[in-house]
C-alpha atoms as a PDB file:
ATOM      1  CA  UNK A   1      20.521  -8.986  -5.433  1.00  0.00           C
ATOM      2  CA  UNK A   2      18.377 -11.887  -4.268  1.00  0.00           C
ATOM      3  CA  UNK A   3      16.546  -9.854  -1.598  1.00  0.00           C
ATOM      4  CA  UNK A   4      15.805  -7.046  -4.041  1.00  0.00           C
ATOM      5  CA  UNK A   5      14.451  -9.452  -6.631  1.00  0.00           C
ATOM      6  CA  UNK A   6      12.103 -10.971  -4.046  1.00  0.00           C
ATOM      7  CA  UNK A   7      10.758  -7.487  -3.254  1.00  0.00           C
ATOM      8  CA  UNK A   8      10.284  -6.548  -6.901  1.00  0.00           C
ATOM      9  CA  UNK A   9       8.531  -9.801  -7.718  1.00  0.00           C
ATOM     10  CA  UNK A  10       6.446 -10.015  -4.557  1.00  0.00           C
ATOM     11  CA  UNK A  11       5.223  -6.504  -3.729  1.00  0.00           C
ATOM     12  CA  UNK A  12       1.717  -7.314  -5.043  1.00  0.00           C
ATOM     13  CA  UNK A  13       1.329 -10.494  -3.020  1.00  0.00           C
ATOM     14  CA  UNK A  14      -1.299 -10.539  -0.274  1.00  0.00           C
ATOM     15  CA  UNK A  15      -0.878 -11.935   3.224  1.00  0.00           C
ATOM     16  CA  UNK A  16      -3.810 -14.328   2.631  1.00  0.00           C
ATOM     17  CA  UNK A  17      -2.260 -15.684  -0.589  1.00  0.00           C
ATOM     18  CA  UNK A  18      -4.706 -14.012  -2.995  1.00  0.00           C
ATOM     19  CA  UNK A  19      -2.127 -11.652  -4.496  1.00  0.00           C
ATOM     20  CA  UNK A  20       0.039 -12.081  -7.550  1.00  0.00           C
ATOM     21  CA  UNK A  21       2.140 -13.325  -9.293  1.00  0.00           C
ATOM     22  CA  UNK A  22       2.854 -16.389  -7.115  1.00  0.00           C
ATOM     23  CA  UNK A  23      -0.004 -16.381  -4.565  1.00  0.00           C
ATOM     24  CA  UNK A  24       2.499 -16.496  -1.702  1.00  0.00           C
ATOM     25  CA  UNK A  25       1.174 -15.930   1.805  1.00  0.00           C
ATOM     26  CA  UNK A  26       2.192 -15.277   5.420  1.00  0.00           C
ATOM     27  CA  UNK A  27       5.595 -16.821   6.157  1.00  0.00           C
ATOM     28  CA  UNK A  28       6.296 -17.752   2.521  1.00  0.00           C
ATOM     29  CA  UNK A  29       7.886 -14.309   2.079  1.00  0.00           C
ATOM     30  CA  UNK A  30      10.399 -12.451   4.237  1.00  0.00           C
ATOM     31  CA  UNK A  31       9.125  -9.521   6.303  1.00  0.00           C
ATOM     32  CA  UNK A  32      10.914  -6.938   4.151  1.00  0.00           C
ATOM     33  CA  UNK A  33       8.753  -7.966   1.182  1.00  0.00           C
ATOM     34  CA  UNK A  34       5.618  -7.323   3.282  1.00  0.00           C
ATOM     35  CA  UNK A  35       7.013  -3.952   4.414  1.00  0.00           C
ATOM     36  CA  UNK A  36       7.671  -2.797   0.854  1.00  0.00           C
ATOM     37  CA  UNK A  37       4.263  -4.070  -0.270  1.00  0.00           C
ATOM     38  CA  UNK A  38       2.513  -1.964   2.382  1.00  0.00           C
ATOM     39  CA  UNK A  39       4.661   1.077   1.595  1.00  0.00           C
ATOM     40  CA  UNK A  40       3.898   0.707  -2.109  1.00  0.00           C
ATOM     41  CA  UNK A  41       0.168   0.450  -1.392  1.00  0.00           C
ATOM     42  CA  UNK A  42       0.202   3.572   0.796  1.00  0.00           C
ATOM     43  CA  UNK A  43       2.154   5.478  -1.846  1.00  0.00           C
ATOM     44  CA  UNK A  44      -0.257   4.364  -4.569  1.00  0.00           C
ATOM     45  CA  UNK A  45      -3.342   5.293  -2.537  1.00  0.00           C
ATOM     46  CA  UNK A  46      -2.029   8.748  -1.580  1.00  0.00           C
ATOM     47  CA  UNK A  47      -0.639   9.674  -5.009  1.00  0.00           C
ATOM     48  CA  UNK A  48      -2.666  11.420  -7.685  1.00  0.00           C
ATOM     49  CA  UNK A  49      -3.262   9.412 -10.839  1.00  0.00           C
ATOM     50  CA  UNK A  50      -4.679  10.669 -14.145  1.00  0.00           C
ATOM     51  CA  UNK A  51      -7.979   8.929 -13.357  1.00  0.00           C
ATOM     52  CA  UNK A  52      -8.292   9.873  -9.631  1.00  0.00           C
ATOM     53  CA  UNK A  53      -6.930  12.086  -6.894  1.00  0.00           C
ATOM     54  CA  UNK A  54      -4.876  10.532  -4.137  1.00  0.00           C
ATOM     55  CA  UNK A  55      -6.564  10.028  -0.789  1.00  0.00           C
ATOM     56  CA  UNK A  56      -5.377  11.445   2.516  1.00  0.00           C
ATOM     57  CA  UNK A  57      -2.847   9.563   4.619  1.00  0.00           C
ATOM     58  CA  UNK A  58      -5.573   8.908   7.208  1.00  0.00           C
ATOM     59  CA  UNK A  59      -7.791   7.266   4.568  1.00  0.00           C
ATOM     60  CA  UNK A  60      -4.922   5.169   3.217  1.00  0.00           C
ATOM     61  CA  UNK A  61      -3.857   4.048   6.682  1.00  0.00           C
ATOM     62  CA  UNK A  62      -7.457   3.063   7.436  1.00  0.00           C
ATOM     63  CA  UNK A  63      -7.444   0.898   4.293  1.00  0.00           C
ATOM     64  CA  UNK A  64      -4.225  -0.727   5.496  1.00  0.00           C
ATOM     65  CA  UNK A  65      -5.713  -1.256   8.982  1.00  0.00           C
ATOM     66  CA  UNK A  66      -8.794  -2.922   7.494  1.00  0.00           C
ATOM     67  CA  UNK A  67      -6.540  -5.130   5.360  1.00  0.00           C
ATOM     68  CA  UNK A  68      -4.512  -6.489   8.297  1.00  0.00           C
ATOM     69  CA  UNK A  69      -4.310 -10.266   7.971  1.00  0.00           C
ATOM     70  CA  UNK A  70      -5.777 -10.324   4.465  1.00  0.00           C
ATOM     71  CA  UNK A  71      -3.933  -7.854   2.249  1.00  0.00           C
ATOM     72  CA  UNK A  72      -1.159  -6.915   4.669  1.00  0.00           C
ATOM     73  CA  UNK A  73       1.050  -8.639   7.248  1.00  0.00           C
ATOM     74  CA  UNK A  74      -0.448  -7.872  10.693  1.00  0.00           C
ATOM     75  CA  UNK A  75       2.952  -6.910  12.169  1.00  0.00           C
ATOM     76  CA  UNK A  76       3.565  -4.479   9.316  1.00  0.00           C
ATOM     77  CA  UNK A  77       0.125  -2.932   9.828  1.00  0.00           C
ATOM     78  CA  UNK A  78       0.892  -2.481  13.524  1.00  0.00           C
ATOM     79  CA  UNK A  79       4.177  -0.744  12.633  1.00  0.00           C
ATOM     80  CA  UNK A  80       2.385   1.536  10.126  1.00  0.00           C
ATOM     81  CA  UNK A  81      -0.224   2.498  12.725  1.00  0.00           C
ATOM     82  CA  UNK A  82       2.500   3.197  15.294  1.00  0.00           C
ATOM     83  CA  UNK A  83       4.458   5.316  12.809  1.00  0.00           C
ATOM     84  CA  UNK A  84       1.408   7.404  11.940  1.00  0.00           C
ATOM     85  CA  UNK A  85       0.394   7.844  15.580  1.00  0.00           C
ATOM     86  CA  UNK A  86       3.908   8.945  16.573  1.00  0.00           C
ATOM     87  CA  UNK A  87       4.110  11.372  13.646  1.00  0.00           C
ATOM     88  CA  UNK A  88       6.965   9.487  11.995  1.00  0.00           C
ATOM     89  CA  UNK A  89       4.939   8.771   8.843  1.00  0.00           C
ATOM     90  CA  UNK A  90       3.844  11.739   6.785  1.00  0.00           C
ATOM     91  CA  UNK A  91       2.928  12.559   3.225  1.00  0.00           C
ATOM     92  CA  UNK A  92       5.639  14.486   1.399  1.00  0.00           C
ATOM     93  CA  UNK A  93       3.808  17.157  -0.572  1.00  0.00           C
ATOM     94  CA  UNK A  94       4.507  17.215  -4.271  1.00  0.00           C
ATOM     95  CA  UNK A  95       3.060  19.151  -7.167  1.00  0.00           C
ATOM     96  CA  UNK A  96       0.686  16.838  -8.961  1.00  0.00           C
ATOM     97  CA  UNK A  97       1.040  16.231 -12.665  1.00  0.00           C
ATOM     98  CA  UNK A  98      -2.695  15.439 -12.658  1.00  0.00           C
ATOM     99  CA  UNK A  99      -4.325  18.620 -11.316  1.00  0.00           C
ATOM    100  CA  UNK A 100      -7.626  17.817 -13.028  1.00  0.00           C
ATOM    101  CA  UNK A 101      -7.895  14.245 -11.753  1.00  0.00           C
ATOM    102  CA  UNK A 102     -11.287  13.504 -10.202  1.00  0.00           C
ATOM    103  CA  UNK A 103     -11.677  12.742  -6.507  1.00  0.00           C
ATOM    104  CA  UNK A 104     -12.975   9.170  -6.183  1.00  0.00           C
ATOM    105  CA  UNK A 105     -13.179   6.572  -3.431  1.00  0.00           C
ATOM    106  CA  UNK A 106     -10.489   4.052  -2.658  1.00  0.00           C
ATOM    107  CA  UNK A 107     -11.987   1.140  -4.543  1.00  0.00           C
ATOM    108  CA  UNK A 108     -13.964   2.863  -7.268  1.00  0.00           C
ATOM    109  CA  UNK A 109     -12.874   2.232 -10.832  1.00  0.00           C
ATOM    110  CA  UNK A 110     -13.847   5.196 -12.977  1.00  0.00           C
ATOM    111  CA  UNK A 111     -12.394   3.581 -16.107  1.00  0.00           C
ATOM    112  CA  UNK A 112     -14.743   0.600 -16.198  1.00  0.00           C
END
Protein backbone atom coordinates (compact mmCIF):
# COMPACT_ATOMS: atom_id res chain seq x y z
CA UNK A 1 0.00 0.00 0.00
CA UNK A 2 2.94 2.35 -0.50
CA UNK A 3 1.23 4.38 -3.25
CA UNK A 4 -1.94 4.77 -1.19
CA UNK A 5 0.00 5.92 1.85
CA UNK A 6 1.77 8.58 -0.23
CA UNK A 7 -1.62 9.88 -1.40
CA UNK A 8 -3.11 9.94 2.10
CA UNK A 9 -0.10 11.70 3.56
CA UNK A 10 0.48 14.11 0.69
CA UNK A 11 -2.92 15.30 -0.53
CA UNK A 12 -2.48 18.68 1.24
CA UNK A 13 0.94 19.38 -0.24
CA UNK A 14 1.26 22.28 -2.67
CA UNK A 15 3.17 22.27 -5.94
CA UNK A 16 5.31 25.20 -4.71
CA UNK A 17 6.25 23.37 -1.49
CA UNK A 18 4.13 25.49 0.87
CA UNK A 19 1.70 22.69 1.73
CA UNK A 20 1.78 20.23 4.59
CA UNK A 21 2.85 18.00 6.28
CA UNK A 22 6.23 17.62 4.53
CA UNK A 23 6.47 20.73 2.30
CA UNK A 24 7.12 18.54 -0.74
CA UNK A 25 7.01 20.21 -4.15
CA UNK A 26 6.94 19.56 -7.90
CA UNK A 27 8.74 16.31 -8.73
CA UNK A 28 9.16 15.26 -5.09
CA UNK A 29 5.76 13.52 -5.33
CA UNK A 30 4.36 11.19 -7.98
CA UNK A 31 1.71 12.58 -10.33
CA UNK A 32 -1.07 10.49 -8.78
CA UNK A 33 -0.59 12.36 -5.49
CA UNK A 34 -1.07 15.68 -7.34
CA UNK A 35 -4.17 14.30 -9.10
CA UNK A 36 -5.80 13.24 -5.84
CA UNK A 37 -4.87 16.55 -4.20
CA UNK A 38 -6.64 18.50 -6.95
CA UNK A 39 -9.66 16.18 -6.85
CA UNK A 40 -9.88 16.56 -3.08
CA UNK A 41 -9.69 20.35 -3.37
CA UNK A 42 -12.45 20.45 -6.00
CA UNK A 43 -14.63 18.17 -3.88
CA UNK A 44 -14.05 20.32 -0.79
CA UNK A 45 -14.81 23.57 -2.63
CA UNK A 46 -18.02 22.25 -4.22
CA UNK A 47 -19.37 20.48 -1.12
CA UNK A 48 -21.59 22.16 1.45
CA UNK A 49 -20.09 22.48 4.91
CA UNK A 50 -21.89 23.50 8.11
CA UNK A 51 -20.21 26.92 7.93
CA UNK A 52 -20.61 27.60 4.15
CA UNK A 53 -22.33 26.46 0.99
CA UNK A 54 -20.29 24.76 -1.69
CA UNK A 55 -19.38 26.80 -4.74
CA UNK A 56 -20.24 25.93 -8.32
CA UNK A 57 -17.96 23.70 -10.36
CA UNK A 58 -17.06 26.70 -12.53
CA UNK A 59 -15.93 28.68 -9.47
CA UNK A 60 -13.92 25.75 -8.11
CA UNK A 61 -12.25 25.09 -11.45
CA UNK A 62 -11.34 28.78 -11.69
CA UNK A 63 -9.66 28.51 -8.27
CA UNK A 64 -7.73 25.48 -9.53
CA UNK A 65 -6.76 27.35 -12.73
CA UNK A 66 -5.48 30.31 -10.71
CA UNK A 67 -3.50 27.91 -8.50
CA UNK A 68 -1.64 26.25 -11.39
CA UNK A 69 2.06 26.13 -10.52
CA UNK A 70 1.53 27.22 -6.92
CA UNK A 71 -1.15 25.08 -5.29
CA UNK A 72 -1.59 22.55 -8.09
CA UNK A 73 0.60 20.68 -10.59
CA UNK A 74 0.27 22.51 -13.94
CA UNK A 75 -0.30 19.25 -15.88
CA UNK A 76 -3.09 18.26 -13.50
CA UNK A 77 -4.71 21.69 -13.89
CA UNK A 78 -4.58 21.30 -17.67
CA UNK A 79 -6.27 17.89 -17.38
CA UNK A 80 -8.97 19.33 -15.08
CA UNK A 81 -9.66 22.17 -17.53
CA UNK A 82 -9.85 19.71 -20.43
CA UNK A 83 -12.22 17.43 -18.50
CA UNK A 84 -14.55 20.31 -17.65
CA UNK A 85 -14.50 21.68 -21.20
CA UNK A 86 -15.27 18.26 -22.69
CA UNK A 87 -18.09 17.67 -20.20
CA UNK A 88 -16.34 14.72 -18.58
CA UNK A 89 -16.19 16.43 -15.17
CA UNK A 90 -19.47 17.20 -13.48
CA UNK A 91 -20.85 17.71 -10.01
CA UNK A 92 -22.89 14.76 -8.78
CA UNK A 93 -25.91 16.29 -7.06
CA UNK A 94 -26.47 15.20 -3.50
CA UNK A 95 -28.88 16.28 -0.80
CA UNK A 96 -26.97 18.52 1.55
CA UNK A 97 -26.90 17.80 5.25
CA UNK A 98 -26.29 21.54 5.74
CA UNK A 99 -29.31 23.20 4.10
CA UNK A 100 -28.92 26.32 6.23
CA UNK A 101 -25.22 26.84 5.54
CA UNK A 102 -24.42 30.40 4.47
CA UNK A 103 -23.15 31.20 0.99
CA UNK A 104 -19.63 32.63 1.33
CA UNK A 105 -16.67 33.21 -0.96
CA UNK A 106 -13.94 30.70 -1.61
CA UNK A 107 -11.41 32.08 0.83
CA UNK A 108 -13.60 33.70 3.45
CA UNK A 109 -13.45 32.27 6.94
CA UNK A 110 -16.74 32.91 8.70
CA UNK A 111 -15.53 31.19 11.88
CA UNK A 112 -12.71 33.61 12.65
